[in-house]
Amino acid sequence: MATPMPEASAPASWLPAGSLMFGILSLLLFWLPIIGLLLGVTGIILASTSLRSGRNFLATAGLVTGIIGTAISFIPILLGLFALLSHR
């Protein structure tokens, strides 16, 4: 006897947890400017996609950590630019 296939809406269940994971990684790796920025933006996109289907605590937490991680990822970029411009 064949086992039934899961519903089509099941793949979206990883989005809230994925957004939180990317948000936390962006907070941890903010000192690597491009990597922290990409992780934060990815967390924001996943959280936004997940929040469209309904409110979820993990998606909200992923959105918040993604925004904070993206914002603080600009600190090393700005410091690097300041260092480059101050030597001229």
N, C-alpha and C. Protein backbone atom coordinates (compact mmCIF):
# COMPACT_ATOMS: atom_id res chain seq x y z
N MET A 1 0.84 -1.17 0.00
CA MET A 1 0.00 0.00 0.00
C MET A 1 0.90 1.24 0.00
N ALA A 2 0.57 2.20 -0.84
CA ALA A 2 1.38 3.42 -0.99
C ALA A 2 1.07 4.40 0.14
N THR A 3 2.10 5.12 0.55
CA THR A 3 1.89 6.14 1.58
C THR A 3 1.44 7.43 0.92
N PRO A 4 0.56 8.19 1.56
CA PRO A 4 0.08 9.44 0.97
C PRO A 4 1.18 10.50 0.95
N MET A 5 1.15 11.34 -0.06
CA MET A 5 2.09 12.44 -0.19
C MET A 5 1.69 13.59 0.73
N PRO A 6 2.66 14.34 1.26
CA PRO A 6 2.31 15.48 2.12
C PRO A 6 1.63 16.59 1.31
N GLU A 7 0.98 17.48 2.02
CA GLU A 7 0.29 18.59 1.40
C GLU A 7 1.28 19.51 0.68
N ALA A 8 0.78 20.29 -0.26
CA ALA A 8 1.64 21.19 -1.04
C ALA A 8 2.13 22.38 -0.22
N SER A 9 1.43 22.72 0.87
CA SER A 9 1.84 23.86 1.67
C SER A 9 2.96 23.54 2.66
N ALA A 10 3.40 22.33 2.74
CA ALA A 10 4.42 21.92 3.70
C ALA A 10 5.79 22.57 3.48
N PRO A 11 6.25 22.84 2.23
CA PRO A 11 7.58 23.41 2.08
C PRO A 11 7.77 24.77 2.74
N ALA A 12 6.71 25.54 2.92
CA ALA A 12 6.84 26.86 3.52
C ALA A 12 7.04 26.81 5.04
N SER A 13 6.96 25.63 5.64
CA SER A 13 7.07 25.54 7.09
C SER A 13 8.50 25.80 7.58
N TRP A 14 9.49 25.74 6.72
CA TRP A 14 10.87 26.00 7.12
C TRP A 14 11.21 27.48 7.06
N LEU A 15 10.38 28.30 6.44
CA LEU A 15 10.69 29.72 6.28
C LEU A 15 10.87 30.48 7.59
N PRO A 16 9.98 30.33 8.59
CA PRO A 16 10.21 31.07 9.84
C PRO A 16 11.50 30.69 10.54
N ALA A 17 11.78 29.39 10.62
CA ALA A 17 13.01 28.95 11.27
C ALA A 17 14.24 29.37 10.46
N GLY A 18 14.13 29.33 9.14
CA GLY A 18 15.23 29.76 8.28
C GLY A 18 15.52 31.25 8.42
N SER A 19 14.45 32.05 8.53
CA SER A 19 14.65 33.48 8.70
C SER A 19 15.33 33.79 10.03
N LEU A 20 14.94 33.08 11.07
CA LEU A 20 15.58 33.29 12.37
C LEU A 20 17.04 32.84 12.34
N MET A 21 17.31 31.72 11.67
CA MET A 21 18.69 31.23 11.57
C MET A 21 19.57 32.23 10.83
N PHE A 22 19.08 32.75 9.69
CA PHE A 22 19.87 33.72 8.94
C PHE A 22 20.02 35.03 9.72
N GLY A 23 19.00 35.43 10.45
CA GLY A 23 19.09 36.63 11.26
C GLY A 23 20.12 36.51 12.36
N ILE A 24 20.13 35.38 13.04
CA ILE A 24 21.12 35.15 14.11
C ILE A 24 22.53 35.09 13.53
N LEU A 25 22.68 34.41 12.40
CA LEU A 25 24.00 34.35 11.76
C LEU A 25 24.49 35.73 11.33
N SER A 26 23.56 36.57 10.88
CA SER A 26 23.98 37.93 10.50
C SER A 26 24.43 38.72 11.72
N LEU A 27 23.82 38.47 12.88
CA LEU A 27 24.27 39.13 14.11
C LEU A 27 25.65 38.63 14.54
N LEU A 28 25.90 37.34 14.35
CA LEU A 28 27.18 36.78 14.76
C LEU A 28 28.31 37.13 13.80
N LEU A 29 27.98 37.29 12.52
CA LEU A 29 29.02 37.52 11.51
C LEU A 29 28.98 38.93 10.93
N PHE A 30 28.50 39.89 11.71
CA PHE A 30 28.42 41.27 11.21
C PHE A 30 29.77 41.85 10.88
N TRP A 31 30.82 41.37 11.52
CA TRP A 31 32.16 41.91 11.33
C TRP A 31 32.75 41.51 9.98
N LEU A 32 32.11 40.56 9.29
CA LEU A 32 32.45 40.24 7.90
C LEU A 32 31.43 40.97 7.03
N PRO A 33 31.75 42.17 6.56
CA PRO A 33 30.73 43.08 6.03
C PRO A 33 29.80 42.49 4.98
N ILE A 34 30.32 41.88 3.95
CA ILE A 34 29.47 41.39 2.87
C ILE A 34 28.66 40.18 3.33
N ILE A 35 29.29 39.28 4.08
CA ILE A 35 28.61 38.07 4.53
C ILE A 35 27.49 38.42 5.51
N GLY A 36 27.77 39.27 6.47
CA GLY A 36 26.75 39.67 7.42
C GLY A 36 25.59 40.38 6.75
N LEU A 37 25.90 41.20 5.76
CA LEU A 37 24.87 41.92 5.02
C LEU A 37 23.99 40.96 4.23
N LEU A 38 24.61 40.01 3.54
CA LEU A 38 23.84 39.04 2.75
C LEU A 38 22.97 38.15 3.64
N LEU A 39 23.52 37.72 4.77
CA LEU A 39 22.73 36.89 5.69
C LEU A 39 21.54 37.66 6.26
N GLY A 40 21.76 38.91 6.61
CA GLY A 40 20.67 39.72 7.15
C GLY A 40 19.57 39.96 6.13
N VAL A 41 19.96 40.28 4.90
CA VAL A 41 18.96 40.51 3.85
C VAL A 41 18.20 39.23 3.54
N THR A 42 18.90 38.10 3.53
CA THR A 42 18.23 36.81 3.30
C THR A 42 17.23 36.53 4.42
N GLY A 43 17.61 36.80 5.66
CA GLY A 43 16.68 36.62 6.78
C GLY A 43 15.46 37.50 6.67
N ILE A 44 15.66 38.75 6.22
CA ILE A 44 14.54 39.66 6.05
C ILE A 44 13.59 39.17 4.96
N ILE A 45 14.14 38.70 3.86
CA ILE A 45 13.31 38.20 2.75
C ILE A 45 12.52 36.97 3.17
N LEU A 46 13.18 36.03 3.85
CA LEU A 46 12.47 34.82 4.30
C LEU A 46 11.39 35.16 5.32
N ALA A 47 11.68 36.08 6.22
CA ALA A 47 10.69 36.47 7.23
C ALA A 47 9.50 37.17 6.59
N SER A 48 9.77 38.04 5.63
CA SER A 48 8.68 38.75 4.96
C SER A 48 7.79 37.77 4.20
N THR A 49 8.40 36.81 3.53
CA THR A 49 7.63 35.80 2.81
C THR A 49 6.79 34.97 3.78
N SER A 50 7.37 34.63 4.91
CA SER A 50 6.65 33.82 5.89
C SER A 50 5.53 34.60 6.56
N LEU A 51 5.75 35.88 6.81
CA LEU A 51 4.73 36.69 7.47
C LEU A 51 3.53 36.97 6.58
N ARG A 52 3.69 36.87 5.27
CA ARG A 52 2.55 37.05 4.37
C ARG A 52 1.50 35.96 4.54
N SER A 53 1.96 34.76 4.90
CA SER A 53 1.02 33.65 5.07
C SER A 53 0.37 33.64 6.45
N GLY A 54 0.86 34.43 7.37
CA GLY A 54 0.28 34.49 8.71
C GLY A 54 1.32 34.86 9.74
N ARG A 55 0.86 35.35 10.87
CA ARG A 55 1.77 35.74 11.95
C ARG A 55 2.41 34.51 12.57
N ASN A 56 3.71 34.62 12.80
CA ASN A 56 4.46 33.54 13.39
C ASN A 56 5.57 34.17 14.23
N PHE A 57 5.75 33.68 15.45
CA PHE A 57 6.76 34.24 16.34
C PHE A 57 8.15 34.10 15.76
N LEU A 58 8.47 32.95 15.18
CA LEU A 58 9.81 32.76 14.62
C LEU A 58 10.07 33.70 13.45
N ALA A 59 9.06 33.93 12.63
CA ALA A 59 9.23 34.84 11.50
C ALA A 59 9.43 36.27 11.98
N THR A 60 8.69 36.67 13.00
CA THR A 60 8.85 38.01 13.55
C THR A 60 10.24 38.17 14.16
N ALA A 61 10.69 37.17 14.90
CA ALA A 61 12.03 37.21 15.49
C ALA A 61 13.09 37.21 14.39
N GLY A 62 12.87 36.46 13.31
CA GLY A 62 13.80 36.46 12.19
C GLY A 62 13.86 37.80 11.50
N LEU A 63 12.71 38.47 11.39
CA LEU A 63 12.68 39.80 10.79
C LEU A 63 13.46 40.81 11.63
N VAL A 64 13.25 40.76 12.94
CA VAL A 64 13.93 41.69 13.84
C VAL A 64 15.45 41.44 13.84
N THR A 65 15.86 40.19 13.96
CA THR A 65 17.30 39.91 13.97
C THR A 65 17.93 40.21 12.61
N GLY A 66 17.19 39.98 11.53
CA GLY A 66 17.70 40.30 10.20
C GLY A 66 17.90 41.79 10.01
N ILE A 67 16.95 42.59 10.49
CA ILE A 67 17.07 44.05 10.37
C ILE A 67 18.24 44.55 11.21
N ILE A 68 18.35 44.07 12.44
CA ILE A 68 19.45 44.50 13.30
C ILE A 68 20.79 44.05 12.73
N GLY A 69 20.86 42.80 12.27
CA GLY A 69 22.11 42.30 11.69
C GLY A 69 22.52 43.05 10.45
N THR A 70 21.54 43.41 9.61
CA THR A 70 21.84 44.20 8.41
C THR A 70 22.33 45.59 8.79
N ALA A 71 21.68 46.19 9.77
CA ALA A 71 22.06 47.54 10.19
C ALA A 71 23.47 47.57 10.77
N ILE A 72 23.81 46.61 11.63
CA ILE A 72 25.15 46.66 12.23
C ILE A 72 26.22 46.14 11.28
N SER A 73 25.82 45.49 10.18
CA SER A 73 26.80 45.08 9.19
C SER A 73 27.36 46.27 8.43
N PHE A 74 26.67 47.40 8.49
CA PHE A 74 27.19 48.60 7.85
C PHE A 74 28.29 49.25 8.67
N ILE A 75 28.44 48.92 9.94
CA ILE A 75 29.47 49.53 10.78
C ILE A 75 30.87 49.23 10.25
N PRO A 76 31.24 47.96 9.98
CA PRO A 76 32.58 47.72 9.42
C PRO A 76 32.77 48.36 8.04
N ILE A 77 31.70 48.42 7.24
CA ILE A 77 31.81 49.06 5.93
C ILE A 77 32.11 50.54 6.10
N LEU A 78 31.39 51.20 6.99
CA LEU A 78 31.61 52.63 7.22
C LEU A 78 32.98 52.90 7.83
N LEU A 79 33.42 52.03 8.75
CA LEU A 79 34.75 52.19 9.33
C LEU A 79 35.84 52.02 8.27
N GLY A 80 35.66 51.05 7.38
CA GLY A 80 36.62 50.85 6.30
C GLY A 80 36.68 52.03 5.35
N LEU A 81 35.51 52.57 5.01
CA LEU A 81 35.48 53.74 4.14
C LEU A 81 36.12 54.94 4.82
N PHE A 82 35.85 55.09 6.11
CA PHE A 82 36.44 56.20 6.85
C PHE A 82 37.97 56.07 6.89
N ALA A 83 38.45 54.85 7.09
CA ALA A 83 39.90 54.63 7.11
C ALA A 83 40.52 54.91 5.76
N LEU A 84 39.86 54.53 4.69
CA LEU A 84 40.38 54.80 3.35
C LEU A 84 40.40 56.29 3.05
N LEU A 85 39.34 56.98 3.41
CA LEU A 85 39.26 58.40 3.10
C LEU A 85 40.14 59.26 3.99
N SER A 86 40.46 58.78 5.18
CA SER A 86 41.29 59.58 6.09
C SER A 86 42.76 59.55 5.72
N HIS A 87 43.19 58.57 4.93
CA HIS A 87 44.60 58.47 4.53
C HIS A 87 44.90 59.26 3.27
N ARG A 88 43.92 59.86 2.67
CA ARG A 88 44.15 60.62 1.43
C ARG A 88 44.45 62.05 1.70
